[in-house]
Every structure is written in structure tokens, then in C-alpha cells.
C-alpha atoms as a PDB file:
ATOM      1  CA  MET A   1       0.254  -0.180   0.269  1.00  0.00           C
ATOM      2  CA  SER A   2       1.144   3.190  -1.160  1.00  0.00           C
ATOM      3  CA  PHE A   3       2.074   6.429   1.732  1.00  0.00           C
ATOM      4  CA  TYR A   4      -0.663   7.682   0.338  1.00  0.00           C
ATOM      5  CA  ASP A   5      -3.147   5.109   0.322  1.00  0.00           C
ATOM      6  CA  LYS A   6      -2.446   3.964   4.350  1.00  0.00           C
ATOM      7  CA  PHE A   7      -2.370   8.120   4.308  1.00  0.00           C
ATOM      8  CA  ILE A   8      -6.303   8.551   3.447  1.00  0.00           C
ATOM      9  CA  SER A   9      -7.222   5.648   5.287  1.00  0.00           C
ATOM     10  CA  PHE A  10      -5.744   6.884   8.148  1.00  0.00           C
ATOM     11  CA  MET A  11      -8.582  10.077   7.746  1.00  0.00           C
ATOM     12  CA  LEU A  12     -11.384   7.629   7.537  1.00  0.00           C
ATOM     13  CA  VAL A  13     -10.622   6.056  10.808  1.00  0.00           C
ATOM     14  CA  VAL A  14      -9.941   9.656  12.207  1.00  0.00           C
ATOM     15  CA  LEU A  15     -13.544  11.526  10.696  1.00  0.00           C
ATOM     16  CA  THR A  16     -15.607   7.956  11.675  1.00  0.00           C
ATOM     17  CA  VAL A  17     -14.277   8.602  15.507  1.00  0.00           C
ATOM     18  CA  LEU A  18     -14.149  12.505  15.382  1.00  0.00           C
ATOM     19  CA  LEU A  19     -17.058  13.340  13.253  1.00  0.00           C
ATOM     20  CA  PRO A  20     -19.808  11.900  15.613  1.00  0.00           C
ATOM     21  CA  CYS A  21     -18.457  13.938  18.508  1.00  0.00           C
ATOM     22  CA  ARG A  22     -18.386  17.071  16.947  1.00  0.00           C
ATOM     23  CA  PHE A  23     -21.505  17.412  15.101  1.00  0.00           C
ATOM     24  CA  GLY A  24     -23.502  15.619  17.510  1.00  0.00           C
ATOM     25  CA  TYR A  25     -24.802  12.324  16.366  1.00  0.00           C
ATOM     26  CA  ILE A  26     -23.998  10.825  19.337  1.00  0.00           C
ATOM     27  CA  GLU A  27     -26.463   7.825  19.737  1.00  0.00           C
ATOM     28  CA  LYS A  28     -28.315   7.964  23.001  1.00  0.00           C
ATOM     29  CA  ASP A  29     -26.510   4.778  24.491  1.00  0.00           C
ATOM     30  CA  ALA A  30     -22.367   6.403  23.468  1.00  0.00           C
ATOM     31  CA  ASN A  31     -21.431   8.293  26.273  1.00  0.00           C
ATOM     32  CA  PRO A  32     -21.859   5.978  29.006  1.00  0.00           C
ATOM     33  CA  ILE A  33     -22.644   7.126  32.982  1.00  0.00           C
ATOM     34  CA  GLU A  34     -18.977   6.361  34.189  1.00  0.00           C
ATOM     35  CA  LYS A  35     -16.042   8.513  33.639  1.00  0.00           C
ATOM     36  CA  LYS A  36     -13.047   7.610  34.582  1.00  0.00           C
ATOM     37  CA  GLY A  37     -11.650   9.420  37.501  1.00  0.00           C
ATOM     38  CA  TYR A  38     -15.140  10.767  38.736  1.00  0.00           C
ATOM     39  CA  THR A  39     -18.456   9.881  40.873  1.00  0.00           C
ATOM     40  CA  ILE A  40     -21.981  10.899  40.202  1.00  0.00           C
ATOM     41  CA  VAL A  41     -23.802  12.572  42.296  1.00  0.00           C
ATOM     42  CA  PHE A  42     -26.799  13.642  40.503  1.00  0.00           C
ATOM     43  CA  ASP A  43     -28.024  11.507  37.780  1.00  0.00           C
ATOM     44  CA  GLU A  44     -31.014  12.428  36.173  1.00  0.00           C
ATOM     45  CA  GLU A  45     -31.699  10.253  32.930  1.00  0.00           C
ATOM     46  CA  PHE A  46     -36.350  11.404  32.464  1.00  0.00           C
ATOM     47  CA  ASP A  47     -36.876   7.445  32.954  1.00  0.00           C
ATOM     48  CA  GLY A  48     -40.421   8.070  34.095  1.00  0.00           C
ATOM     49  CA  ASN A  49     -43.827   9.972  33.273  1.00  0.00           C
ATOM     50  CA  GLU A  50     -43.499  12.878  35.926  1.00  0.00           C
ATOM     51  CA  LEU A  51     -40.085  14.523  37.003  1.00  0.00           C
ATOM     52  CA  ASP A  52     -38.474  13.174  40.006  1.00  0.00           C
ATOM     53  CA  SER A  53     -39.903  15.370  42.653  1.00  0.00           C
ATOM     54  CA  GLU A  54     -37.288  14.760  45.118  1.00  0.00           C
ATOM     55  CA  LYS A  55     -35.005  16.379  42.645  1.00  0.00           C
ATOM     56  CA  TRP A  56     -37.067  19.433  40.587  1.00  0.00           C
ATOM     57  CA  LEU A  57     -39.496  21.534  41.337  1.00  0.00           C
ATOM     58  CA  PRO A  58     -41.794  22.136  38.260  1.00  0.00           C
ATOM     59  CA  GLN A  59     -41.960  25.995  38.646  1.00  0.00           C
ATOM     60  CA  TYR A  60     -40.088  28.744  37.772  1.00  0.00           C
ATOM     61  CA  PHE A  61     -39.150  31.149  40.963  1.00  0.00           C
ATOM     62  CA  PRO A  62     -42.576  30.671  42.730  1.00  0.00           C
ATOM     63  CA  HIS A  63     -41.742  33.103  45.056  1.00  0.00           C
ATOM     64  CA  ALA A  64     -40.794  35.959  42.471  1.00  0.00           C
ATOM     65  CA  THR A  65     -44.721  35.944  41.206  1.00  0.00           C
ATOM     66  CA  ASP A  66     -47.999  36.082  42.617  1.00  0.00           C
ATOM     67  CA  THR A  67     -49.682  34.673  39.778  1.00  0.00           C
ATOM     68  CA  PRO A  68     -49.054  31.181  40.385  1.00  0.00           C
ATOM     69  CA  GLU A  69     -50.564  29.108  37.400  1.00  0.00           C
ATOM     70  CA  GLY A  70     -47.616  31.328  35.314  1.00  0.00           C
ATOM     71  CA  CYS A  71     -44.483  29.814  37.296  1.00  0.00           C
ATOM     72  CA  VAL A  72     -45.599  26.138  36.880  1.00  0.00           C
ATOM     73  CA  ALA A  73     -43.978  24.498  34.000  1.00  0.00           C
ATOM     74  CA  LYS A  74     -44.648  22.928  30.964  1.00  0.00           C
ATOM     75  CA  TYR A  75     -43.303  19.815  30.173  1.00  0.00           C
ATOM     76  CA  LYS A  76     -43.913  16.491  28.710  1.00  0.00           C
ATOM     77  CA  ILE A  77     -41.820  13.159  28.837  1.00  0.00           C
ATOM     78  CA  ASP A  78     -41.661   9.992  26.407  1.00  0.00           C
ATOM     79  CA  ASP A  79     -38.757   7.719  25.873  1.00  0.00           C
ATOM     80  CA  GLY A  80     -36.157   9.436  28.528  1.00  0.00           C
ATOM     81  CA  ILE A  81     -36.399  12.612  26.702  1.00  0.00           C
ATOM     82  CA  LEU A  82     -38.511  15.732  29.042  1.00  0.00           C
ATOM     83  CA  ASN A  83     -40.163  17.985  26.702  1.00  0.00           C
ATOM     84  CA  LEU A  84     -39.860  21.348  28.342  1.00  0.00           C
ATOM     85  CA  TYR A  85     -42.065  23.307  26.107  1.00  0.00           C
ATOM     86  CA  ILE A  86     -44.097  26.681  25.731  1.00  0.00           C
ATOM     87  CA  ASP A  87     -47.796  26.738  23.487  1.00  0.00           C
ATOM     88  CA  GLU A  88     -50.352  29.176  22.266  1.00  0.00           C
ATOM     89  CA  SER A  89     -52.073  28.682  26.448  1.00  0.00           C
ATOM     90  CA  SER A  90     -48.617  29.169  28.184  1.00  0.00           C
ATOM     91  CA  PRO A  91     -50.125  32.104  30.542  1.00  0.00           C
ATOM     92  CA  GLN A  92     -47.812  35.143  31.335  1.00  0.00           C
ATOM     93  CA  TYR A  93     -45.253  34.827  34.695  1.00  0.00           C
ATOM     94  CA  GLY A  94     -46.958  37.476  36.251  1.00  0.00           C
ATOM     95  CA  TRP A  95     -49.065  40.586  36.120  1.00  0.00           C
ATOM     96  CA  HIS A  96     -46.327  42.710  36.224  1.00  0.00           C
ATOM     97  CA  THR A  97     -44.343  40.868  32.876  1.00  0.00           C
ATOM     98  CA  ILE A  98     -45.577  40.002  30.178  1.00  0.00           C
ATOM     99  CA  MET A  99     -42.937  36.914  29.852  1.00  0.00           C
ATOM    100  CA  ARG A 100     -43.683  33.069  29.564  1.00  0.00           C
ATOM    101  CA  ALA A 101     -41.067  30.642  30.838  1.00  0.00           C
ATOM    102  CA  SER A 102     -41.300  26.496  31.398  1.00  0.00           C
ATOM    103  CA  CYS A 103     -38.904  26.303  33.453  1.00  0.00           C
ATOM    104  CA  ILE A 104     -38.384  23.984  36.379  1.00  0.00           C
ATOM    105  CA  GLN A 105     -35.835  24.106  39.208  1.00  0.00           C
ATOM    106  CA  THR A 106     -33.613  22.301  41.956  1.00  0.00           C
ATOM    107  CA  PHE A 107     -33.839  24.616  44.557  1.00  0.00           C
ATOM    108  CA  GLU A 108     -36.102  27.351  45.793  1.00  0.00           C
ATOM    109  CA  LYS A 109     -36.996  29.382  48.835  1.00  0.00           C
ATOM    110  CA  ASN A 110     -37.492  33.402  49.599  1.00  0.00           C
ATOM    111  CA  LEU A 111     -35.812  36.321  48.055  1.00  0.00           C
ATOM    112  CA  LEU A 112     -33.533  33.376  45.614  1.00  0.00           C
ATOM    113  CA  HIS A 113     -31.306  35.113  42.899  1.00  0.00           C
ATOM    114  CA  PRO A 114     -31.244  38.554  42.841  1.00  0.00           C
ATOM    115  CA  GLY A 115     -32.225  38.345  38.998  1.00  0.00           C
ATOM    116  CA  ALA A 116     -35.665  37.168  40.133  1.00  0.00           C
ATOM    117  CA  GLY A 117     -36.952  40.931  41.812  1.00  0.00           C
ATOM    118  CA  GLU A 118     -35.683  42.744  44.615  1.00  0.00           C
ATOM    119  CA  PHE A 119     -38.573  41.246  47.323  1.00  0.00           C
ATOM    120  CA  ASN A 120     -40.850  38.462  47.522  1.00  0.00           C
ATOM    121  CA  ARG A 121     -44.352  38.676  46.211  1.00  0.00           C
ATOM    122  CA  THR A 122     -44.917  35.320  47.731  1.00  0.00           C
ATOM    123  CA  GLU A 123     -44.156  33.052  49.862  1.00  0.00           C
ATOM    124  CA  VAL A 124     -43.021  29.559  49.771  1.00  0.00           C
ATOM    125  CA  GLU A 125     -41.751  26.384  51.709  1.00  0.00           C
ATOM    126  CA  PRO A 126     -38.280  25.671  51.415  1.00  0.00           C
ATOM    127  CA  PHE A 127     -37.182  22.824  48.832  1.00  0.00           C
ATOM    128  CA  GLU A 128     -33.667  21.941  48.109  1.00  0.00           C
ATOM    129  CA  GLY A 129     -33.412  18.731  45.275  1.00  0.00           C
ATOM    130  CA  PHE A 130     -30.031  18.868  44.825  1.00  0.00           C
ATOM    131  CA  ALA A 131     -27.207  22.327  45.254  1.00  0.00           C
ATOM    132  CA  THR A 132     -23.474  21.444  45.832  1.00  0.00           C
ATOM    133  CA  LYS A 133     -19.903  22.838  45.224  1.00  0.00           C
ATOM    134  CA  TYR A 134     -18.014  22.136  42.004  1.00  0.00           C
ATOM    135  CA  GLY A 135     -18.107  19.788  40.036  1.00  0.00           C
ATOM    136  CA  TYR A 136     -17.906  18.506  36.212  1.00  0.00           C
ATOM    137  CA  PHE A 137     -21.959  18.960  34.693  1.00  0.00           C
ATOM    138  CA  GLU A 138     -22.594  17.385  31.554  1.00  0.00           C
ATOM    139  CA  MET A 139     -26.445  17.482  29.774  1.00  0.00           C
ATOM    140  CA  ARG A 140     -27.030  15.974  26.147  1.00  0.00           C
ATOM    141  CA  ALA A 141     -30.307  18.074  24.400  1.00  0.00           C
ATOM    142  CA  LYS A 142     -31.344  19.328  21.629  1.00  0.00           C
ATOM    143  CA  LEU A 143     -31.815  22.762  21.097  1.00  0.00           C
ATOM    144  CA  PRO A 144     -35.552  24.964  19.807  1.00  0.00           C
ATOM    145  CA  ASP A 145     -35.579  25.405  16.015  1.00  0.00           C
ATOM    146  CA  ILE A 146     -38.331  28.674  16.634  1.00  0.00           C
ATOM    147  CA  LYS A 147     -36.153  31.584  14.836  1.00  0.00           C
ATOM    148  CA  GLU A 148     -37.112  34.672  17.020  1.00  0.00           C
ATOM    149  CA  GLY A 149     -38.536  35.563  20.110  1.00  0.00           C
ATOM    150  CA  GLY A 150     -36.806  34.407  23.221  1.00  0.00           C
ATOM    151  CA  HIS A 151     -34.096  31.976  24.240  1.00  0.00           C
ATOM    152  CA  ILE A 152     -33.171  28.489  26.245  1.00  0.00           C
ATOM    153  CA  ALA A 153     -31.163  28.458  29.651  1.00  0.00           C
ATOM    154  CA  TRP A 154     -29.286  25.597  31.587  1.00  0.00           C
ATOM    155  CA  TRP A 155     -27.349  27.765  34.793  1.00  0.00           C
ATOM    156  CA  LEU A 156     -26.806  27.496  38.282  1.00  0.00           C
ATOM    157  CA  ILE A 157     -27.638  30.118  40.729  1.00  0.00           C
ATOM    158  CA  GLY A 158     -25.920  30.512  44.421  1.00  0.00           C
ATOM    159  CA  THR A 159     -28.628  28.946  47.170  1.00  0.00           C
ATOM    160  CA  GLN A 160     -27.011  31.932  49.376  1.00  0.00           C
ATOM    161  CA  ASP A 161     -26.029  29.810  52.454  1.00  0.00           C
ATOM    162  CA  ASP A 162     -25.058  33.183  54.066  1.00  0.00           C
ATOM    163  CA  ALA A 163     -28.047  34.883  53.850  1.00  0.00           C
ATOM    164  CA  LEU A 164     -30.359  36.352  57.292  1.00  0.00           C
ATOM    165  CA  PRO A 165     -32.664  34.775  58.542  1.00  0.00           C
ATOM    166  CA  ASP A 166     -35.244  37.190  56.172  1.00  0.00           C
ATOM    167  CA  GLY A 167     -32.968  36.132  53.172  1.00  0.00           C
ATOM    168  CA  SER A 168     -31.969  38.736  52.870  1.00  0.00           C
ATOM    169  CA  GLY A 169     -27.575  40.324  52.808  1.00  0.00           C
ATOM    170  CA  SER A 170     -26.775  37.275  51.163  1.00  0.00           C
ATOM    171  CA  VAL A 171     -23.371  37.800  48.623  1.00  0.00           C
ATOM    172  CA  GLN A 172     -23.562  33.831  47.829  1.00  0.00           C
ATOM    173  CA  THR A 173     -25.687  35.247  44.359  1.00  0.00           C
ATOM    174  CA  GLY A 174     -23.333  34.534  41.406  1.00  0.00           C
ATOM    175  CA  GLU A 175     -24.639  33.010  38.256  1.00  0.00           C
ATOM    176  CA  ILE A 176     -23.376  30.345  35.720  1.00  0.00           C
ATOM    177  CA  ASP A 177     -25.109  29.926  32.395  1.00  0.00           C
ATOM    178  CA  ILE A 178     -24.020  27.325  30.725  1.00  0.00           C
ATOM    179  CA  LEU A 179     -26.313  27.127  27.882  1.00  0.00           C
ATOM    180  CA  GLU A 180     -27.884  30.695  27.178  1.00  0.00           C
ATOM    181  CA  ASN A 181     -28.993  30.684  23.816  1.00  0.00           C
ATOM    182  CA  LEU A 182     -31.698  32.941  21.704  1.00  0.00           C
ATOM    183  CA  PHE A 183     -33.860  31.432  19.958  1.00  0.00           C
ATOM    184  CA  GLU A 184     -32.724  33.551  16.155  1.00  0.00           C
ATOM    185  CA  SER A 185     -29.166  32.600  16.503  1.00  0.00           C
ATOM    186  CA  ILE A 186     -29.197  29.752  18.373  1.00  0.00           C
ATOM    187  CA  ASN A 187     -25.471  28.571  17.047  1.00  0.00           C
ATOM    188  CA  THR A 188     -23.921  31.527  18.754  1.00  0.00           C
ATOM    189  CA  PHE A 189     -22.988  30.021  22.903  1.00  0.00           C
ATOM    190  CA  SER A 190     -22.653  32.255  25.088  1.00  0.00           C
ATOM    191  CA  PRO A 191     -21.327  31.060  28.552  1.00  0.00           C
ATOM    192  CA  LYS A 192     -21.755  33.602  30.930  1.00  0.00           C
ATOM    193  CA  VAL A 193     -20.658  34.455  34.802  1.00  0.00           C
ATOM    194  CA  HIS A 194     -23.021  37.418  36.803  1.00  0.00           C
ATOM    195  CA  PRO A 195     -21.276  38.126  39.775  1.00  0.00           C
ATOM    196  CA  TRP A 196     -24.798  40.142  41.614  1.00  0.00           C
ATOM    197  CA  THR A 197     -23.769  40.837  44.838  1.00  0.00           C
ATOM    198  CA  ASP A 198     -20.092  38.335  44.976  1.00  0.00           C
ATOM    199  CA  SER A 199     -17.804  40.786  44.576  1.00  0.00           C
ATOM    200  CA  LYS A 200     -14.895  38.023  45.150  1.00  0.00           C
ATOM    201  CA  ILE A 201     -16.045  36.923  40.876  1.00  0.00           C
ATOM    202  CA  LYS A 202     -15.378  38.757  38.144  1.00  0.00           C
ATOM    203  CA  SER A 203     -18.094  38.909  35.196  1.00  0.00           C
ATOM    204  CA  PHE A 204     -17.578  36.883  32.230  1.00  0.00           C
ATOM    205  CA  ARG A 205     -19.148  36.548  28.583  1.00  0.00           C
ATOM    206  CA  LYS A 206     -17.216  35.344  25.164  1.00  0.00           C
ATOM    207  CA  ASP A 207     -19.954  34.599  22.227  1.00  0.00           C
ATOM    208  CA  ILE A 208     -19.106  31.708  19.686  1.00  0.00           C
ATOM    209  CA  GLU A 209     -20.829  30.537  17.172  1.00  0.00           C
ATOM    210  CA  MET A 210     -21.073  27.259  16.269  1.00  0.00           C
ATOM    211  CA  HIS A 211     -20.853  25.267  12.545  1.00  0.00           C
ATOM    212  CA  GLY A 212     -23.518  22.884  13.021  1.00  0.00           C
ATOM    213  CA  ASN A 213     -27.098  22.138  13.727  1.00  0.00           C
ATOM    214  CA  TYR A 214     -28.273  22.339  17.024  1.00  0.00           C
ATOM    215  CA  SER A 215     -31.638  22.190  16.655  1.00  0.00           C
ATOM    216  CA  GLU A 216     -31.865  18.797  14.456  1.00  0.00           C
ATOM    217  CA  ALA A 217     -29.788  16.568  16.822  1.00  0.00           C
ATOM    218  CA  PHE A 218     -28.600  16.301  19.978  1.00  0.00           C
ATOM    219  CA  HIS A 219     -25.465  17.355  21.449  1.00  0.00           C
ATOM    220  CA  ILE A 220     -23.609  17.633  24.773  1.00  0.00           C
ATOM    221  CA  TYR A 221     -22.685  20.756  26.518  1.00  0.00           C
ATOM    222  CA  GLY A 222     -20.610  20.220  29.641  1.00  0.00           C
ATOM    223  CA  MET A 223     -18.999  22.616  32.148  1.00  0.00           C
ATOM    224  CA  ASP A 224     -16.015  21.976  34.602  1.00  0.00           C
ATOM    225  CA  TRP A 225     -16.222  24.161  37.668  1.00  0.00           C
ATOM    226  CA  THR A 226     -13.290  23.094  40.133  1.00  0.00           C
ATOM    227  CA  PRO A 227     -11.948  26.557  42.612  1.00  0.00           C
ATOM    228  CA  LYS A 228      -9.850  27.658  40.089  1.00  0.00           C
ATOM    229  CA  GLY A 229     -12.188  28.253  37.078  1.00  0.00           C
ATOM    230  CA  ILE A 230     -14.952  27.262  34.784  1.00  0.00           C
ATOM    231  CA  LYS A 231     -14.471  25.708  31.640  1.00  0.00           C
ATOM    232  CA  PHE A 232     -17.280  24.810  28.840  1.00  0.00           C
ATOM    233  CA  TYR A 233     -17.395  22.357  26.345  1.00  0.00           C
ATOM    234  CA  ILE A 234     -19.238  21.217  23.724  1.00  0.00           C
ATOM    235  CA  ASP A 235     -19.625  17.529  22.353  1.00  0.00           C
ATOM    236  CA  GLY A 236     -16.191  17.477  24.403  1.00  0.00           C
ATOM    237  CA  HIS A 237     -14.485  20.430  23.162  1.00  0.00           C
ATOM    238  CA  LYS A 238     -13.574  23.466  25.400  1.00  0.00           C
ATOM    239  CA  ILE A 239     -15.081  26.413  23.806  1.00  0.00           C
ATOM    240  CA  ALA A 240     -14.598  28.954  26.734  1.00  0.00           C
ATOM    241  CA  GLU A 241     -13.103  29.252  30.403  1.00  0.00           C
ATOM    242  CA  THR A 242     -12.519  31.603  33.025  1.00  0.00           C
ATOM    243  CA  LYS A 243     -10.327  32.238  36.008  1.00  0.00           C
ATOM    244  CA  ASP A 244     -11.950  32.312  39.121  1.00  0.00           C
ATOM    245  CA  SER A 245     -15.295  30.732  40.139  1.00  0.00           C
ATOM    246  CA  PRO A 246     -18.109  31.326  43.091  1.00  0.00           C
ATOM    247  CA  ASP A 247     -16.679  28.749  46.032  1.00  0.00           C
ATOM    248  CA  TYR A 248     -20.107  28.534  47.478  1.00  0.00           C
ATOM    249  CA  ARG A 249     -23.166  25.653  46.541  1.00  0.00           C
ATOM    250  CA  MET A 250     -25.017  26.550  44.116  1.00  0.00           C
ATOM    251  CA  CYS A 251     -28.480  25.028  42.782  1.00  0.00           C
ATOM    252  CA  MET A 252     -30.065  24.380  38.854  1.00  0.00           C
ATOM    253  CA  PHE A 253     -32.598  25.465  36.200  1.00  0.00           C
ATOM    254  CA  LEU A 254     -33.256  24.856  33.164  1.00  0.00           C
ATOM    255  CA  GLY A 255     -36.217  26.778  31.633  1.00  0.00           C
ATOM    256  CA  ILE A 256     -37.260  28.235  28.116  1.00  0.00           C
ATOM    257  CA  TYR A 257     -38.586  31.613  27.220  1.00  0.00           C
ATOM    258  CA  THR A 258     -40.438  34.389  25.646  1.00  0.00           C
ATOM    259  CA  ASN A 259     -41.543  37.348  25.585  1.00  0.00           C
ATOM    260  CA  CYS A 260     -38.019  38.176  27.916  1.00  0.00           C
ATOM    261  CA  ASP A 261     -36.748  41.410  27.679  1.00  0.00           C
ATOM    262  CA  PHE A 262     -33.909  40.366  26.330  1.00  0.00           C
ATOM    263  CA  SER A 263     -34.512  37.641  24.036  1.00  0.00           C
ATOM    264  CA  GLY A 264     -37.248  39.404  21.847  1.00  0.00           C
ATOM    265  CA  MET A 265     -40.990  38.965  22.025  1.00  0.00           C
ATOM    266  CA  ASP A 266     -43.144  35.413  21.376  1.00  0.00           C
ATOM    267  CA  ASN A 267     -43.205  35.265  17.240  1.00  0.00           C
ATOM    268  CA  GLY A 268     -46.530  33.069  16.685  1.00  0.00           C
ATOM    269  CA  VAL A 269     -44.209  29.758  16.614  1.00  0.00           C
ATOM    270  CA  TYR A 270     -45.832  26.950  18.541  1.00  0.00           C
ATOM    271  CA  PRO A 271     -45.039  24.621  20.629  1.00  0.00           C
ATOM    272  CA  LYS A 272     -41.734  26.073  21.507  1.00  0.00           C
ATOM    273  CA  GLU A 273     -39.552  23.261  22.772  1.00  0.00           C
ATOM    274  CA  PHE A 274     -36.124  21.973  24.409  1.00  0.00           C
ATOM    275  CA  LEU A 275     -35.414  18.514  24.583  1.00  0.00           C
ATOM    276  CA  ILE A 276     -32.815  17.628  27.445  1.00  0.00           C
ATOM    277  CA  ASP A 277     -32.224  13.726  27.421  1.00  0.00           C
ATOM    278  CA  TYR A 278     -30.518  13.626  30.707  1.00  0.00           C
ATOM    279  CA  VAL A 279     -28.620  15.629  33.185  1.00  0.00           C
ATOM    280  CA  ARG A 280     -25.252  14.465  35.355  1.00  0.00           C
ATOM    281  CA  VAL A 281     -22.931  15.535  38.028  1.00  0.00           C
ATOM    282  CA  TYR A 282     -19.562  14.504  38.802  1.00  0.00           C
ATOM    283  CA  LYS A 283     -17.296  14.686  41.532  1.00  0.00           C
ATOM    284  CA  SER A 284     -13.145  14.324  40.654  1.00  0.00           C
ATOM    285  CA  ASN A 285     -12.145  10.791  43.112  1.00  0.00           C
ATOM    286  CA  LYS A 286      -9.168  13.706  43.762  1.00  0.00           C
ATOM    287  CA  GLY A 287     -11.166  16.075  45.190  1.00  0.00           C
ATOM    288  CA  TYR A 288     -11.395  20.136  45.217  1.00  0.00           C
END
């Protein structure tokens, strides 16, 4: 065999291995749960017909609205896939905003997250499904094909364990946006960090235009959060990193939004759907 023939054969092998990872054609079982050097601490495969009520609150910041029906998530689970959706009948989040959201969260209490509002509109019972400090977070998901008028998000916020008894005074309020993609530019990924009242971390944002079709195939999104910083991944490729990170527990949100002030007004395309295959969180066996 000539050198040229050997080279072509080699490249075909390389492409066979790399293309599925790069462009998202990853079979459901192609990414095993076990990862060398890590222990899984949160595993949501969406295998049932309903959300696990010990892990998820199927509402969006119920403390920040006085319209109970407006914060309730619309979802269905079929064949191990969670579908968060907004349809024609989805109500606005509250009387104070025309935003509509379908979002689930792993933690809730009064005055959680400065971005949710400056005061409580409804008293809530605390909920703790999952919160942690540091780890490798991974999600396999298919993004919406809506073209405009909203966004999807997978994000973390501080649980504010340092708050005063009335919920105020916290500086553990940082936010990490692992995914926050606008419908109008679904191939532009913008990992972000918002310090809010946390003066120990810096604001961060990086916009990355990616090739491939992220609304036609499932892709794997990841974040490695350590004391030294945060690394963001798509299909195993690092797309951004920070040099610092929050040093307190954070909880997790998954949501789809429209009529939002920064992402645009509803364009009348329904249903708006965000499909999630799994969410997993791991801890390094070496510790942090």
C-alpha cells in the first residue's frame, strides 16, 4: 500500500471517530454514565412519565410572582426525553411581566436570586432537590428551531446559604449560564458568569459561533467547575474558560422563555420546545 493510500485510510478512521462527537450524531447510549476518575452525584435520565419530585420543582421562581399558574412548567416525558415547552395557552409569568416561561429548578426559597426580583411576591416553603459546590456538569439536549422571540437556558445560581433569617444580605449570589442561546442565533453559544453581589468573582461572557445544526440533533454540553475556574464544553471540545469561580453551593435551572426583555417577543410559532435527554453531575475523585 502506498503512503497516499495509508494516509487516506488513516484519515477515514479519524473522521469516523471524531465526526459523531463534533457534529452531535451521538447515539443515546454512546456516552456511558461512568467516567474514569469521577463519581456521579446527580443522575437524571428522565426514565419515568413524571419529573422526580425529590430532585425537581416544576416551577420557575414561585416566590417572585403572585400569579401561581404563570410559574408552573409545561412539560412531557416520552421515551426518556424531557420536553419543556411553551404553547398558545401558556400564561404570562406574572401581572408585572409579559414573559412566559417553562422552567424547572432544583432549589427554591424566599428571596432566591437577585435577578428574580428585589422582593418576594409569594411566601414559599423551601425546596432542596440538589445543590452542590464544584463538579463536572453534563447535559445531552436538542435546541429549539424557533428562529426568534426567546431563548433557552441551563444555568446555576448560588443557594445563598449566608443569608440573614429573612433571606436578605447574601453575597453568595453568583450565576453561571452554561447555555443561554437565543432562538434567533441558536448556533451562537454565550457562556456567562454574573457576580451579582459576589465581589470575589468577575463578570464573564464569551460569544462563540459554532458550525453544525444544534436544533436537528442532540449534542452534549458540559461544564467543569473547580476552585481554579470554569471550563465550558460542547461535544467534548472546550469553547471557553474563566480564571475564577463561585466558592459556594449552587442549584440548577432548565428553562425555555419567550417575551423576555433581552431575548425578544413571541413570534407565534408553537410549540416552542427544549428537549433534554439527561442531566448528570460528577465529582472528581481527587477532590477539590
